[in-house]
Amino acid sequence: MATDPAPQIGTLNEKPLHAALKRWAAEPGDRFEVPIGRFVADIVRGDEILEIQTGSTVVLKRKLATLLAHRAVRLILPIAVRKTLTTLDETGTEVGSRRSPKHGSLPDAFHELMNLRMFLGDPNFAIDIVLIHAEEVRRPRRRKRTRAYQRRWEIEERRLIEVIDSVSLHHPADYLAFIPPTLAEPFTTTDLGEAIGHPRRMATKMAYVLREMGVLTAVGRAGNSILYERAFGNTLSRLD
């Protein structure tokens, strides 16, 4: 039985992490680096565009507005829940490697979702949050430091070691996966931060985005804090 040929994946001088995630997402029949308006779509699959964003989502606003005017868009957004730090010397030779004590988690996606809140909930827009183990390659800073507190190294590149899991978000109710089902209503951002094990500033950012989407509803105040309730009822959580 004949099989489909492997996708021919263009790179357009991509960074390693972006290129690796494109290979991970690719399926037979996909088209790559497809011009749409003034922009280039990473992957076109039938009537859907897959866009991979490994940096700040601030730069995506105009591109997403253009792409969504033509087709449905699925954004692949990686979050490094594990990180290996590899250090190079001035010649590019590896001199050390260790596991970073810091790690990300699913709620960290809200650092980037804040920038895309005007698109969230659009029936033609979906997000796949991809939880990864990444390698961060560092080397001594090429430029002299101008301030004493600047780091002596800079990030050379990031590489994909492993895709651990992914969570798909499409309908606004999907975003209730970020709210632990055990969190009683009404709740404040302090309550939410304690429930998800993150600082209150992260919970405030999350609550703001979810309120803008209509996923959370403000129902009153407790002192200076806003009280929230879920707009769609409870759901199972993927944060465990």
C-alpha atoms as a PDB file:
ATOM      1  CA  MET A   1       0.000   0.000   0.000  1.00  0.00           C
ATOM      2  CA  ALA A   2       1.364   3.412  -0.970  1.00  0.00           C
ATOM      3  CA  THR A   3       2.137   5.888   1.773  1.00  0.00           C
ATOM      4  CA  ASP A   4       2.083   9.656   1.680  1.00  0.00           C
ATOM      5  CA  PRO A   5       5.490  11.252   1.140  1.00  0.00           C
ATOM      6  CA  ALA A   6       7.108  12.898   4.138  1.00  0.00           C
ATOM      7  CA  PRO A   7       6.323  16.602   4.362  1.00  0.00           C
ATOM      8  CA  GLN A   8       8.957  18.849   2.817  1.00  0.00           C
ATOM      9  CA  ILE A   9       9.590  21.358   5.553  1.00  0.00           C
ATOM     10  CA  GLY A  10      11.134  24.711   4.763  1.00  0.00           C
ATOM     11  CA  THR A  11      13.035  26.574   7.430  1.00  0.00           C
ATOM     12  CA  LEU A  12      13.482  30.203   6.294  1.00  0.00           C
ATOM     13  CA  ASN A  13      16.591  30.408   8.539  1.00  0.00           C
ATOM     14  CA  GLU A  14      14.564  29.336  11.562  1.00  0.00           C
ATOM     15  CA  LYS A  15      15.948  28.951  15.038  1.00  0.00           C
ATOM     16  CA  PRO A  16      16.333  25.311  16.167  1.00  0.00           C
ATOM     17  CA  LEU A  17      13.383  25.290  18.591  1.00  0.00           C
ATOM     18  CA  HIS A  18      10.978  26.702  16.002  1.00  0.00           C
ATOM     19  CA  ALA A  19      12.183  24.252  13.346  1.00  0.00           C
ATOM     20  CA  ALA A  20      11.893  21.284  15.723  1.00  0.00           C
ATOM     21  CA  LEU A  21       8.327  22.193  16.720  1.00  0.00           C
ATOM     22  CA  LYS A  22       7.421  22.511  13.057  1.00  0.00           C
ATOM     23  CA  ARG A  23       8.716  18.979  12.437  1.00  0.00           C
ATOM     24  CA  TRP A  24       6.764  17.772  15.481  1.00  0.00           C
ATOM     25  CA  ALA A  25       3.529  19.350  14.231  1.00  0.00           C
ATOM     26  CA  ALA A  26       3.913  18.436  10.545  1.00  0.00           C
ATOM     27  CA  GLU A  27       1.661  15.914   8.814  1.00  0.00           C
ATOM     28  CA  PRO A  28       1.732  14.497   5.280  1.00  0.00           C
ATOM     29  CA  GLY A  29       0.099  16.897   2.842  1.00  0.00           C
ATOM     30  CA  ASP A  30       1.035  20.047   4.782  1.00  0.00           C
ATOM     31  CA  ARG A  31       2.382  23.095   2.946  1.00  0.00           C
ATOM     32  CA  PHE A  32       5.071  25.254   4.508  1.00  0.00           C
ATOM     33  CA  GLU A  33       6.003  28.943   4.387  1.00  0.00           C
ATOM     34  CA  VAL A  34       2.866  29.872   2.471  1.00  0.00           C
ATOM     35  CA  PRO A  35       2.514  33.604   1.624  1.00  0.00           C
ATOM     36  CA  ILE A  36      -0.780  35.067   2.853  1.00  0.00           C
ATOM     37  CA  GLY A  37      -1.134  38.799   2.374  1.00  0.00           C
ATOM     38  CA  ARG A  38       2.017  40.498   3.698  1.00  0.00           C
ATOM     39  CA  PHE A  39       2.866  37.538   5.911  1.00  0.00           C
ATOM     40  CA  VAL A  40       4.087  33.947   5.601  1.00  0.00           C
ATOM     41  CA  ALA A  41       2.184  31.140   7.351  1.00  0.00           C
ATOM     42  CA  ASP A  42       4.305  28.428   8.973  1.00  0.00           C
ATOM     43  CA  ILE A  43       2.028  25.544   7.975  1.00  0.00           C
ATOM     44  CA  VAL A  44      -1.166  25.363   5.898  1.00  0.00           C
ATOM     45  CA  ARG A  45      -3.214  22.208   6.388  1.00  0.00           C
ATOM     46  CA  GLY A  46      -6.367  22.223   4.300  1.00  0.00           C
ATOM     47  CA  ASP A  47      -8.450  25.148   5.539  1.00  0.00           C
ATOM     48  CA  GLU A  48      -6.366  25.671   8.671  1.00  0.00           C
ATOM     49  CA  ILE A  49      -3.156  27.594   9.346  1.00  0.00           C
ATOM     50  CA  LEU A  50      -0.727  26.396  12.015  1.00  0.00           C
ATOM     51  CA  GLU A  51       1.486  29.132  13.406  1.00  0.00           C
ATOM     52  CA  ILE A  52       4.377  28.390  15.774  1.00  0.00           C
ATOM     53  CA  GLN A  53       5.510  31.119  18.167  1.00  0.00           C
ATOM     54  CA  THR A  54       8.580  30.536  20.326  1.00  0.00           C
ATOM     55  CA  GLY A  55       9.127  34.194  21.242  1.00  0.00           C
ATOM     56  CA  SER A  56       6.929  36.984  22.521  1.00  0.00           C
ATOM     57  CA  THR A  57       3.393  37.026  21.143  1.00  0.00           C
ATOM     58  CA  VAL A  58       3.415  40.840  21.066  1.00  0.00           C
ATOM     59  CA  VAL A  59       4.654  40.684  17.475  1.00  0.00           C
ATOM     60  CA  LEU A  60       1.797  38.396  16.378  1.00  0.00           C
ATOM     61  CA  LYS A  61      -1.133  40.812  16.546  1.00  0.00           C
ATOM     62  CA  ARG A  62      -1.063  42.104  12.974  1.00  0.00           C
ATOM     63  CA  LYS A  63      -0.140  38.726  11.542  1.00  0.00           C
ATOM     64  CA  LEU A  64      -2.978  36.930  13.342  1.00  0.00           C
ATOM     65  CA  ALA A  65      -5.494  39.566  12.247  1.00  0.00           C
ATOM     66  CA  THR A  66      -4.456  38.989   8.617  1.00  0.00           C
ATOM     67  CA  LEU A  67      -4.367  35.184   8.840  1.00  0.00           C
ATOM     68  CA  LEU A  68      -7.756  34.974  10.596  1.00  0.00           C
ATOM     69  CA  ALA A  69      -9.297  36.998   7.781  1.00  0.00           C
ATOM     70  CA  HIS A  70      -8.422  34.141   5.411  1.00  0.00           C
ATOM     71  CA  ARG A  71      -8.587  30.866   7.385  1.00  0.00           C
ATOM     72  CA  ALA A  72      -8.888  29.265  10.797  1.00  0.00           C
ATOM     73  CA  VAL A  73      -5.650  29.552  12.774  1.00  0.00           C
ATOM     74  CA  ARG A  74      -4.138  27.195  15.353  1.00  0.00           C
ATOM     75  CA  LEU A  75      -1.286  28.695  17.368  1.00  0.00           C
ATOM     76  CA  ILE A  76       1.363  26.365  18.801  1.00  0.00           C
ATOM     77  CA  LEU A  77       2.749  27.978  21.941  1.00  0.00           C
ATOM     78  CA  PRO A  78       5.567  26.134  23.773  1.00  0.00           C
ATOM     79  CA  ILE A  79       6.136  26.386  27.524  1.00  0.00           C
ATOM     80  CA  ALA A  80       9.404  24.968  28.902  1.00  0.00           C
ATOM     81  CA  VAL A  81       8.385  23.004  31.991  1.00  0.00           C
ATOM     82  CA  ARG A  82      11.888  21.516  32.110  1.00  0.00           C
ATOM     83  CA  LYS A  83      15.087  23.205  31.015  1.00  0.00           C
ATOM     84  CA  THR A  84      18.644  21.978  30.547  1.00  0.00           C
ATOM     85  CA  LEU A  85      21.325  24.681  30.567  1.00  0.00           C
ATOM     86  CA  THR A  86      24.312  24.025  28.308  1.00  0.00           C
ATOM     87  CA  THR A  87      27.291  26.383  28.513  1.00  0.00           C
ATOM     88  CA  LEU A  88      29.811  27.013  25.714  1.00  0.00           C
ATOM     89  CA  ASP A  89      33.163  28.761  25.928  1.00  0.00           C
ATOM     90  CA  GLU A  90      34.420  31.482  23.570  1.00  0.00           C
ATOM     91  CA  THR A  91      35.352  28.886  20.948  1.00  0.00           C
ATOM     92  CA  GLY A  92      31.915  27.250  20.959  1.00  0.00           C
ATOM     93  CA  THR A  93      33.082  24.165  22.868  1.00  0.00           C
ATOM     94  CA  GLU A  94      30.674  22.779  25.447  1.00  0.00           C
ATOM     95  CA  VAL A  95      32.063  23.219  28.945  1.00  0.00           C
ATOM     96  CA  GLY A  96      29.088  22.297  31.110  1.00  0.00           C
ATOM     97  CA  SER A  97      25.489  21.128  31.261  1.00  0.00           C
ATOM     98  CA  ARG A  98      23.009  21.058  34.125  1.00  0.00           C
ATOM     99  CA  ARG A  99      19.298  20.953  34.824  1.00  0.00           C
ATOM    100  CA  SER A 100      17.843  24.363  35.598  1.00  0.00           C
ATOM    101  CA  PRO A 101      16.253  24.612  39.062  1.00  0.00           C
ATOM    102  CA  LYS A 102      13.572  26.801  37.520  1.00  0.00           C
ATOM    103  CA  HIS A 103      10.683  25.265  35.642  1.00  0.00           C
ATOM    104  CA  GLY A 104       7.600  26.503  33.882  1.00  0.00           C
ATOM    105  CA  SER A 105       4.006  25.362  34.153  1.00  0.00           C
ATOM    106  CA  LEU A 106       0.758  25.663  32.236  1.00  0.00           C
ATOM    107  CA  PRO A 107      -0.340  28.991  33.823  1.00  0.00           C
ATOM    108  CA  ASP A 108       2.856  30.595  32.497  1.00  0.00           C
ATOM    109  CA  ALA A 109       1.105  30.671  29.128  1.00  0.00           C
ATOM    110  CA  PHE A 110      -0.795  33.731  30.369  1.00  0.00           C
ATOM    111  CA  HIS A 111       2.356  35.829  30.010  1.00  0.00           C
ATOM    112  CA  GLU A 112       1.761  35.425  26.262  1.00  0.00           C
ATOM    113  CA  LEU A 113      -2.036  35.020  26.204  1.00  0.00           C
ATOM    114  CA  MET A 114      -2.325  38.531  27.659  1.00  0.00           C
ATOM    115  CA  ASN A 115      -1.102  39.880  24.321  1.00  0.00           C
ATOM    116  CA  LEU A 116      -3.650  37.836  22.361  1.00  0.00           C
ATOM    117  CA  ARG A 117      -6.748  38.414  24.497  1.00  0.00           C
ATOM    118  CA  MET A 118      -8.546  40.167  21.621  1.00  0.00           C
ATOM    119  CA  PHE A 119      -8.406  36.900  19.618  1.00  0.00           C
ATOM    120  CA  LEU A 120      -9.169  34.391  22.380  1.00  0.00           C
ATOM    121  CA  GLY A 121     -12.609  32.869  22.048  1.00  0.00           C
ATOM    122  CA  ASP A 122     -12.772  33.582  18.305  1.00  0.00           C
ATOM    123  CA  PRO A 123     -14.357  30.439  16.798  1.00  0.00           C
ATOM    124  CA  ASN A 124     -11.648  30.450  14.112  1.00  0.00           C
ATOM    125  CA  PHE A 125      -8.763  30.666  16.575  1.00  0.00           C
ATOM    126  CA  ALA A 126      -7.367  27.801  18.652  1.00  0.00           C
ATOM    127  CA  ILE A 127      -4.230  27.449  20.769  1.00  0.00           C
ATOM    128  CA  ASP A 128      -2.158  24.363  21.517  1.00  0.00           C
ATOM    129  CA  ILE A 129      -0.025  24.967  24.611  1.00  0.00           C
ATOM    130  CA  VAL A 130       2.861  22.531  24.209  1.00  0.00           C
ATOM    131  CA  LEU A 131       4.746  21.614  27.376  1.00  0.00           C
ATOM    132  CA  ILE A 132       8.355  20.850  26.516  1.00  0.00           C
ATOM    133  CA  HIS A 133      11.768  19.960  27.872  1.00  0.00           C
ATOM    134  CA  ALA A 134      14.082  22.514  26.235  1.00  0.00           C
ATOM    135  CA  GLU A 135      17.829  22.957  26.084  1.00  0.00           C
ATOM    136  CA  GLU A 136      19.080  26.510  26.446  1.00  0.00           C
ATOM    137  CA  VAL A 137      22.563  26.964  24.986  1.00  0.00           C
ATOM    138  CA  ARG A 138      24.555  29.825  26.515  1.00  0.00           C
ATOM    139  CA  ARG A 139      27.901  31.394  25.674  1.00  0.00           C
ATOM    140  CA  PRO A 140      29.941  34.323  27.042  1.00  0.00           C
ATOM    141  CA  ARG A 141      28.501  37.685  26.105  1.00  0.00           C
ATOM    142  CA  ARG A 142      30.171  39.000  22.963  1.00  0.00           C
ATOM    143  CA  ARG A 143      29.689  42.657  23.864  1.00  0.00           C
ATOM    144  CA  LYS A 144      31.306  44.290  26.849  1.00  0.00           C
ATOM    145  CA  ARG A 145      28.979  44.894  29.744  1.00  0.00           C
ATOM    146  CA  THR A 146      27.874  48.466  30.204  1.00  0.00           C
ATOM    147  CA  ARG A 147      26.297  47.842  33.595  1.00  0.00           C
ATOM    148  CA  ALA A 148      27.661  45.821  36.469  1.00  0.00           C
ATOM    149  CA  TYR A 149      24.455  43.851  36.893  1.00  0.00           C
ATOM    150  CA  GLN A 150      24.284  42.587  33.286  1.00  0.00           C
ATOM    151  CA  ARG A 151      24.834  38.860  32.856  1.00  0.00           C
ATOM    152  CA  ARG A 152      28.171  37.644  31.559  1.00  0.00           C
ATOM    153  CA  TRP A 153      26.510  35.211  29.145  1.00  0.00           C
ATOM    154  CA  GLU A 154      23.859  35.351  26.452  1.00  0.00           C
ATOM    155  CA  ILE A 155      21.510  32.766  24.975  1.00  0.00           C
ATOM    156  CA  GLU A 156      22.945  31.304  21.774  1.00  0.00           C
ATOM    157  CA  GLU A 157      19.880  29.224  20.881  1.00  0.00           C
ATOM    158  CA  ARG A 158      17.150  27.013  22.285  1.00  0.00           C
ATOM    159  CA  ARG A 159      16.605  23.410  21.273  1.00  0.00           C
ATOM    160  CA  LEU A 160      13.762  20.933  21.732  1.00  0.00           C
ATOM    161  CA  ILE A 161      14.642  17.856  23.789  1.00  0.00           C
ATOM    162  CA  GLU A 162      11.144  16.430  24.267  1.00  0.00           C
ATOM    163  CA  VAL A 163       7.461  17.254  23.965  1.00  0.00           C
ATOM    164  CA  ILE A 164       5.951  16.234  27.289  1.00  0.00           C
ATOM    165  CA  ASP A 165       2.271  17.101  26.830  1.00  0.00           C
ATOM    166  CA  SER A 166      -0.052  19.526  25.096  1.00  0.00           C
ATOM    167  CA  VAL A 167      -3.334  21.209  25.970  1.00  0.00           C
ATOM    168  CA  SER A 168      -5.734  22.451  23.287  1.00  0.00           C
ATOM    169  CA  LEU A 169      -7.871  25.548  23.840  1.00  0.00           C
ATOM    170  CA  HIS A 170     -10.645  26.536  21.433  1.00  0.00           C
ATOM    171  CA  HIS A 171     -14.006  27.286  23.029  1.00  0.00           C
ATOM    172  CA  PRO A 172     -13.941  29.830  25.897  1.00  0.00           C
ATOM    173  CA  ALA A 173     -15.110  27.113  28.282  1.00  0.00           C
ATOM    174  CA  ASP A 174     -11.856  25.226  27.580  1.00  0.00           C
ATOM    175  CA  TYR A 175     -10.014  27.922  29.517  1.00  0.00           C
ATOM    176  CA  LEU A 176     -11.740  26.836  32.718  1.00  0.00           C
ATOM    177  CA  ALA A 177      -9.083  24.095  32.801  1.00  0.00           C
ATOM    178  CA  PHE A 178      -6.857  26.739  34.390  1.00  0.00           C
ATOM    179  CA  ILE A 179      -9.214  27.122  37.380  1.00  0.00           C
ATOM    180  CA  PRO A 180      -8.901  24.237  39.879  1.00  0.00           C
ATOM    181  CA  PRO A 181     -12.295  22.556  40.313  1.00  0.00           C
ATOM    182  CA  THR A 182     -11.815  22.598  44.096  1.00  0.00           C
ATOM    183  CA  LEU A 183     -11.705  26.411  44.196  1.00  0.00           C
ATOM    184  CA  ALA A 184     -14.931  27.552  45.851  1.00  0.00           C
ATOM    185  CA  GLU A 185     -16.912  30.505  44.523  1.00  0.00           C
ATOM    186  CA  PRO A 186     -16.793  33.405  44.750  1.00  0.00           C
ATOM    187  CA  PHE A 187     -13.010  33.755  44.841  1.00  0.00           C
ATOM    188  CA  THR A 188     -10.413  36.510  44.679  1.00  0.00           C
ATOM    189  CA  THR A 189      -7.132  36.531  42.792  1.00  0.00           C
ATOM    190  CA  THR A 190      -5.430  35.792  46.113  1.00  0.00           C
ATOM    191  CA  ASP A 191      -7.542  32.636  46.409  1.00  0.00           C
ATOM    192  CA  LEU A 192      -6.785  31.737  42.795  1.00  0.00           C
ATOM    193  CA  GLY A 193      -3.040  32.241  43.250  1.00  0.00           C
ATOM    194  CA  GLU A 194      -3.015  29.972  46.285  1.00  0.00           C
ATOM    195  CA  ALA A 195      -5.046  27.336  44.443  1.00  0.00           C
ATOM    196  CA  ILE A 196      -2.687  27.193  41.459  1.00  0.00           C
ATOM    197  CA  GLY A 197       0.493  27.642  43.497  1.00  0.00           C
ATOM    198  CA  HIS A 198       1.539  30.866  41.752  1.00  0.00           C
ATOM    199  CA  PRO A 199       2.029  34.456  42.931  1.00  0.00           C
ATOM    200  CA  ARG A 200      -1.018  36.725  43.061  1.00  0.00           C
ATOM    201  CA  ARG A 201       0.309  38.780  40.148  1.00  0.00           C
ATOM    202  CA  MET A 202       0.027  35.716  37.893  1.00  0.00           C
ATOM    203  CA  ALA A 203      -3.496  35.017  39.158  1.00  0.00           C
ATOM    204  CA  THR A 204      -4.439  38.661  38.522  1.00  0.00           C
ATOM    205  CA  LYS A 205      -3.211  38.400  34.936  1.00  0.00           C
ATOM    206  CA  MET A 206      -5.112  35.149  34.459  1.00  0.00           C
ATOM    207  CA  ALA A 207      -8.319  36.555  35.933  1.00  0.00           C
ATOM    208  CA  TYR A 208      -8.086  39.644  33.726  1.00  0.00           C
ATOM    209  CA  VAL A 209      -7.757  37.599  30.533  1.00  0.00           C
ATOM    210  CA  LEU A 210     -10.528  35.179  31.509  1.00  0.00           C
ATOM    211  CA  ARG A 211     -12.824  38.045  32.483  1.00  0.00           C
ATOM    212  CA  GLU A 212     -12.187  39.726  29.119  1.00  0.00           C
ATOM    213  CA  MET A 213     -13.152  36.451  27.418  1.00  0.00           C
ATOM    214  CA  GLY A 214     -16.323  36.067  29.470  1.00  0.00           C
ATOM    215  CA  VAL A 215     -14.992  32.926  31.158  1.00  0.00           C
ATOM    216  CA  LEU A 216     -15.049  34.578  34.596  1.00  0.00           C
ATOM    217  CA  THR A 217     -17.691  36.984  35.851  1.00  0.00           C
ATOM    218  CA  ALA A 218     -17.108  39.695  38.459  1.00  0.00           C
ATOM    219  CA  VAL A 219     -19.865  39.362  41.068  1.00  0.00           C
ATOM    220  CA  GLY A 220     -18.832  41.844  43.762  1.00  0.00           C
ATOM    221  CA  ARG A 221     -15.985  42.905  45.972  1.00  0.00           C
ATOM    222  CA  ALA A 222     -14.373  41.824  49.219  1.00  0.00           C
ATOM    223  CA  GLY A 223     -12.549  44.894  50.460  1.00  0.00           C
ATOM    224  CA  ASN A 224     -10.286  45.980  47.601  1.00  0.00           C
ATOM    225  CA  SER A 225     -10.477  42.602  45.846  1.00  0.00           C
ATOM    226  CA  ILE A 226     -12.841  41.645  43.040  1.00  0.00           C
ATOM    227  CA  LEU A 227     -14.900  38.495  43.572  1.00  0.00           C
ATOM    228  CA  TYR A 228     -15.153  36.108  40.621  1.00  0.00           C
ATOM    229  CA  GLU A 229     -17.351  33.209  39.588  1.00  0.00           C
ATOM    230  CA  ARG A 230     -17.069  30.825  36.650  1.00  0.00           C
ATOM    231  CA  ALA A 231     -19.343  31.742  33.751  1.00  0.00           C
ATOM    232  CA  PHE A 232     -19.719  28.156  32.490  1.00  0.00           C
ATOM    233  CA  GLY A 233     -19.809  26.095  35.668  1.00  0.00           C
ATOM    234  CA  ASN A 234     -17.012  23.834  36.872  1.00  0.00           C
ATOM    235  CA  THR A 235     -14.794  21.582  34.789  1.00  0.00           C
ATOM    236  CA  LEU A 236     -11.877  19.194  35.212  1.00  0.00           C
ATOM    237  CA  SER A 237      -8.438  20.744  35.608  1.00  0.00           C
ATOM    238  CA  ARG A 238      -5.279  19.899  33.669  1.00  0.00           C
ATOM    239  CA  LEU A 239      -2.996  21.698  36.088  1.00  0.00           C
ATOM    240  CA  ASP A 240      -2.203  18.740  38.338  1.00  0.00           C
END
